Amino acid sequence: HGRVYAWCRRYRRDPEQALDLAQDVLLAAWRSLATWEGKAPFGGWLFVITHHACIRAARARPLAGDDDQVLEELPDPRPDPATVFED
C-alpha cells in the first residue's frame, strides 16, 4: 500500500486525492488478480495498474469553474413563484 500511495502522490498533490486513487488502484488490482500470470514480478504488474490509473486520473480534469462560488449561491434564473401568481 505504501508504494502505491507514494506513486499516486506524485500524480496528485493533494494527500486525500492520492489516498483515494491508491485505494482505487488496490481495488482494481484485487479485482483483476486472476489475470496476473506470474511470469513477471507481482510488483511490476501492480506498478502497471498504478501507472495507468494515475495517468487516467491526471487526464480527468474537473470542468472549468470558479471553486469559490458554491452552486447553491447562484441566483435562480426562474421567475419568483410569488410574482407569477400575482399576474
Protein backbone atom coordinates (compact mmCIF):
# COMPACT_ATOMS: atom_id res chain seq x y z
CA HIS A 1 0.00 0.00 0.00
CA GLY A 2 2.81 2.40 0.81
CA ARG A 3 4.47 2.16 -2.59
CA VAL A 4 1.19 2.51 -4.44
CA TYR A 5 0.33 5.57 -2.36
CA ALA A 6 3.77 7.08 -2.98
CA TRP A 7 3.36 6.70 -6.72
CA CYS A 8 -0.17 8.16 -6.63
CA ARG A 9 1.12 11.04 -4.52
CA ARG A 10 3.45 12.02 -7.37
CA TYR A 11 0.47 12.48 -9.66
CA ARG A 12 -1.87 14.04 -7.11
CA ARG A 13 -0.50 16.79 -4.93
CA ASP A 14 -3.43 16.52 -2.52
CA PRO A 15 -2.82 13.70 0.01
CA GLU A 16 -6.52 12.85 0.24
CA GLN A 17 -6.87 12.53 -3.54
CA ALA A 18 -3.72 10.40 -3.65
CA LEU A 19 -5.12 8.17 -0.92
CA ASP A 20 -8.40 7.76 -2.82
CA LEU A 21 -6.51 6.98 -6.01
CA ALA A 22 -4.32 4.42 -4.23
CA GLN A 23 -7.42 2.76 -2.82
CA ASP A 24 -8.95 2.61 -6.30
CA VAL A 25 -5.73 1.09 -7.65
CA LEU A 26 -5.60 -1.59 -4.98
CA LEU A 27 -9.26 -2.43 -5.52
CA ALA A 28 -8.70 -2.70 -9.28
CA ALA A 29 -5.66 -4.91 -8.69
CA TRP A 30 -7.63 -7.16 -6.35
CA ARG A 31 -10.45 -7.47 -8.90
CA SER A 32 -8.04 -8.39 -11.71
CA LEU A 33 -5.76 -10.60 -9.64
CA ALA A 34 -6.83 -13.62 -11.69
CA THR A 35 -5.22 -12.04 -14.77
CA TRP A 36 -1.75 -12.00 -13.21
CA GLU A 37 0.03 -14.94 -14.78
CA GLY A 38 3.09 -14.94 -12.55
CA LYS A 39 5.51 -14.56 -15.47
CA ALA A 40 6.57 -11.11 -14.29
CA PRO A 41 7.09 -9.95 -10.71
CA PHE A 42 3.93 -9.01 -8.85
CA GLY A 43 5.32 -5.55 -8.11
CA GLY A 44 5.77 -4.83 -11.81
CA TRP A 45 2.22 -5.92 -12.56
CA LEU A 46 0.92 -3.72 -9.76
CA PHE A 47 3.06 -0.83 -10.97
CA VAL A 48 1.49 -1.01 -14.44
CA ILE A 49 -2.00 -0.88 -12.94
CA THR A 50 -0.97 2.04 -10.74
CA HIS A 51 0.69 3.90 -13.59
CA HIS A 52 -2.34 3.59 -15.87
CA ALA A 53 -4.72 4.68 -13.11
CA CYS A 54 -2.56 7.71 -12.34
CA ILE A 55 -2.46 8.74 -15.99
CA ARG A 56 -6.24 8.40 -16.27
CA ALA A 57 -6.66 10.47 -13.11
CA ALA A 58 -4.30 13.14 -14.42
CA ARG A 59 -6.26 13.37 -17.66
CA ALA A 60 -9.61 13.58 -15.89
CA ARG A 61 -9.65 17.24 -15.06
CA PRO A 62 -12.62 18.90 -13.41
CA LEU A 63 -14.79 21.14 -15.50
CA ALA A 64 -13.68 24.74 -15.59
CA GLY A 65 -15.42 26.74 -12.95
CA ASP A 66 -15.00 29.02 -10.02
CA ASP A 67 -14.26 26.94 -6.94
CA ASP A 68 -15.11 29.84 -4.65
CA GLN A 69 -18.70 30.05 -5.82
CA VAL A 70 -21.00 27.39 -4.45
CA LEU A 71 -23.78 26.12 -6.69
CA GLU A 72 -26.46 26.87 -4.11
CA GLU A 73 -25.38 30.51 -4.01
CA LEU A 74 -26.03 31.07 -7.72
CA PRO A 75 -29.18 33.07 -8.50
CA ASP A 76 -32.16 31.08 -9.75
CA PRO A 77 -32.95 32.14 -13.34
CA ARG A 78 -36.62 31.15 -12.99
CA PRO A 79 -39.17 33.79 -12.05
CA ASP A 80 -40.21 34.06 -8.43
CA PRO A 81 -43.39 31.98 -7.86
CA ALA A 82 -44.97 34.79 -5.84
CA THR A 83 -44.73 37.22 -8.76
CA VAL A 84 -46.05 34.65 -11.24
CA PHE A 85 -49.26 34.17 -9.23
CA GLU A 86 -49.76 37.94 -8.82
CA ASP A 87 -50.06 38.46 -12.57
